[in-house]
C-alpha atoms as a PDB file:
ATOM      1  CA  UNK A   1      12.308 -13.819   0.345  1.00  0.00           C
ATOM      2  CA  UNK A   2       8.735 -13.360   0.305  1.00  0.00           C
ATOM      3  CA  UNK A   3       7.453 -10.764  -0.625  1.00  0.00           C
ATOM      4  CA  UNK A   4       3.489  -8.493  -0.553  1.00  0.00           C
ATOM      5  CA  UNK A   5       2.250  -5.364  -1.638  1.00  0.00           C
ATOM      6  CA  UNK A   6       0.357  -3.822   1.563  1.00  0.00           C
ATOM      7  CA  UNK A   7      -0.659  -1.139   3.342  1.00  0.00           C
ATOM      8  CA  UNK A   8       0.717   0.912   6.571  1.00  0.00           C
ATOM      9  CA  UNK A   9      -0.078   3.009   8.352  1.00  0.00           C
ATOM     10  CA  UNK A  10       0.665   6.599   9.091  1.00  0.00           C
ATOM     11  CA  UNK A  11      -1.782   8.002  11.790  1.00  0.00           C
ATOM     12  CA  UNK A  12      -2.497   7.014  14.948  1.00  0.00           C
ATOM     13  CA  UNK A  13      -5.008   5.319  15.134  1.00  0.00           C
ATOM     14  CA  UNK A  14      -6.831   7.195  18.278  1.00  0.00           C
ATOM     15  CA  UNK A  15      -6.366  10.543  16.094  1.00  0.00           C
ATOM     16  CA  UNK A  16      -9.743   9.595  14.146  1.00  0.00           C
ATOM     17  CA  UNK A  17      -7.424  10.730  10.748  1.00  0.00           C
ATOM     18  CA  UNK A  18      -6.560   7.785   8.889  1.00  0.00           C
ATOM     19  CA  UNK A  19      -3.801   8.070   6.002  1.00  0.00           C
ATOM     20  CA  UNK A  20      -2.145   4.539   4.052  1.00  0.00           C
ATOM     21  CA  UNK A  21       0.759   5.042   2.700  1.00  0.00           C
ATOM     22  CA  UNK A  22       1.386   1.441  -0.447  1.00  0.00           C
ATOM     23  CA  UNK A  23       4.643  -0.162   0.591  1.00  0.00           C
ATOM     24  CA  UNK A  24       6.491  -3.061  -0.744  1.00  0.00           C
ATOM     25  CA  UNK A  25       7.595  -5.530   2.325  1.00  0.00           C
ATOM     26  CA  UNK A  26       8.901  -8.698   3.695  1.00  0.00           C
ATOM     27  CA  UNK A  27       5.377 -10.431   4.341  1.00  0.00           C
ATOM     28  CA  UNK A  28       6.837 -11.601   8.031  1.00  0.00           C
ATOM     29  CA  UNK A  29       7.424  -7.692   8.903  1.00  0.00           C
ATOM     30  CA  UNK A  30       4.258  -5.993  11.266  1.00  0.00           C
ATOM     31  CA  UNK A  31       2.247  -3.761   9.809  1.00  0.00           C
ATOM     32  CA  UNK A  32       4.306  -0.752  10.455  1.00  0.00           C
ATOM     33  CA  UNK A  33       7.800  -1.870  10.349  1.00  0.00           C
ATOM     34  CA  UNK A  34      10.831  -1.144   7.600  1.00  0.00           C
ATOM     35  CA  UNK A  35       9.674  -1.834   4.124  1.00  0.00           C
ATOM     36  CA  UNK A  36      11.338  -2.024   0.971  1.00  0.00           C
ATOM     37  CA  UNK A  37      10.071   0.686  -1.030  1.00  0.00           C
ATOM     38  CA  UNK A  38       6.622   3.157  -1.544  1.00  0.00           C
ATOM     39  CA  UNK A  39       4.901   3.598  -4.164  1.00  0.00           C
ATOM     40  CA  UNK A  40       1.811   4.969  -3.618  1.00  0.00           C
ATOM     41  CA  UNK A  41      -0.478   6.726  -0.863  1.00  0.00           C
ATOM     42  CA  UNK A  42      -3.944   6.662   0.163  1.00  0.00           C
ATOM     43  CA  UNK A  43      -6.471   8.532   2.286  1.00  0.00           C
ATOM     44  CA  UNK A  44     -10.081   7.354   2.673  1.00  0.00           C
ATOM     45  CA  UNK A  45     -10.883  10.361   4.465  1.00  0.00           C
ATOM     46  CA  UNK A  46     -11.172  12.557   1.848  1.00  0.00           C
ATOM     47  CA  UNK A  47     -14.216  12.488  -0.479  1.00  0.00           C
ATOM     48  CA  UNK A  48     -14.274  11.226  -2.888  1.00  0.00           C
ATOM     49  CA  UNK A  49     -11.183   8.847  -1.130  1.00  0.00           C
ATOM     50  CA  UNK A  50      -7.395   9.129  -2.590  1.00  0.00           C
ATOM     51  CA  UNK A  51      -5.738   7.394  -4.084  1.00  0.00           C
ATOM     52  CA  UNK A  52      -2.300   7.421  -5.921  1.00  0.00           C
ATOM     53  CA  UNK A  53       0.078   4.299  -7.329  1.00  0.00           C
ATOM     54  CA  UNK A  54       2.828   4.391  -8.897  1.00  0.00           C
ATOM     55  CA  UNK A  55       1.491   2.034 -11.662  1.00  0.00           C
ATOM     56  CA  UNK A  56       5.244   1.112 -13.417  1.00  0.00           C
ATOM     57  CA  UNK A  57       6.986  -0.020  -9.734  1.00  0.00           C
ATOM     58  CA  UNK A  58       3.448  -1.609  -8.683  1.00  0.00           C
ATOM     59  CA  UNK A  59       3.742  -3.632 -12.499  1.00  0.00           C
ATOM     60  CA  UNK A  60       7.844  -3.942 -11.732  1.00  0.00           C
ATOM     61  CA  UNK A  61       7.112  -5.700  -8.039  1.00  0.00           C
ATOM     62  CA  UNK A  62       4.185  -7.432  -9.138  1.00  0.00           C
ATOM     63  CA  UNK A  63       6.308  -8.745 -12.807  1.00  0.00           C
ATOM     64  CA  UNK A  64       9.239 -10.056 -10.059  1.00  0.00           C
ATOM     65  CA  UNK A  65       6.647 -12.100  -7.812  1.00  0.00           C
ATOM     66  CA  UNK A  66       5.517  -9.874  -5.630  1.00  0.00           C
ATOM     67  CA  UNK A  67       1.676 -10.398  -3.772  1.00  0.00           C
ATOM     68  CA  UNK A  68      -0.638  -7.579  -3.080  1.00  0.00           C
ATOM     69  CA  UNK A  69      -3.225  -7.752  -0.118  1.00  0.00           C
ATOM     70  CA  UNK A  70      -6.531  -7.859  -0.643  1.00  0.00           C
ATOM     71  CA  UNK A  71      -7.074  -4.116  -0.402  1.00  0.00           C
ATOM     72  CA  UNK A  72      -4.424  -3.231  -2.572  1.00  0.00           C
ATOM     73  CA  UNK A  73      -5.810  -4.754  -5.611  1.00  0.00           C
ATOM     74  CA  UNK A  74      -8.912  -3.398  -4.761  1.00  0.00           C
ATOM     75  CA  UNK A  75      -7.345  -0.125  -5.078  1.00  0.00           C
ATOM     76  CA  UNK A  76      -5.560  -0.893  -8.014  1.00  0.00           C
ATOM     77  CA  UNK A  77      -8.467  -1.204 -10.100  1.00  0.00           C
ATOM     78  CA  UNK A  78      -9.875   1.936  -8.840  1.00  0.00           C
ATOM     79  CA  UNK A  79      -6.525   3.572 -10.290  1.00  0.00           C
ATOM     80  CA  UNK A  80      -6.174   1.489 -13.208  1.00  0.00           C
END
């Protein structure tokens, strides 16, 4: 199983209020389907954008071979 750390949309696209969860999921799963674990959230609507990531869980999954998406990796650098 190939594991990815990526964003999952939790609000509808038409609402204009995008909110995302940072989740660990199988690479083949669609964006908004089932996931293994939720490790954070991202709200780009706030000024400044609200980012929370459980750093110990992020590091755990990366040590187990999970690959973060480009967006999640850049968000993690901002929090770190």
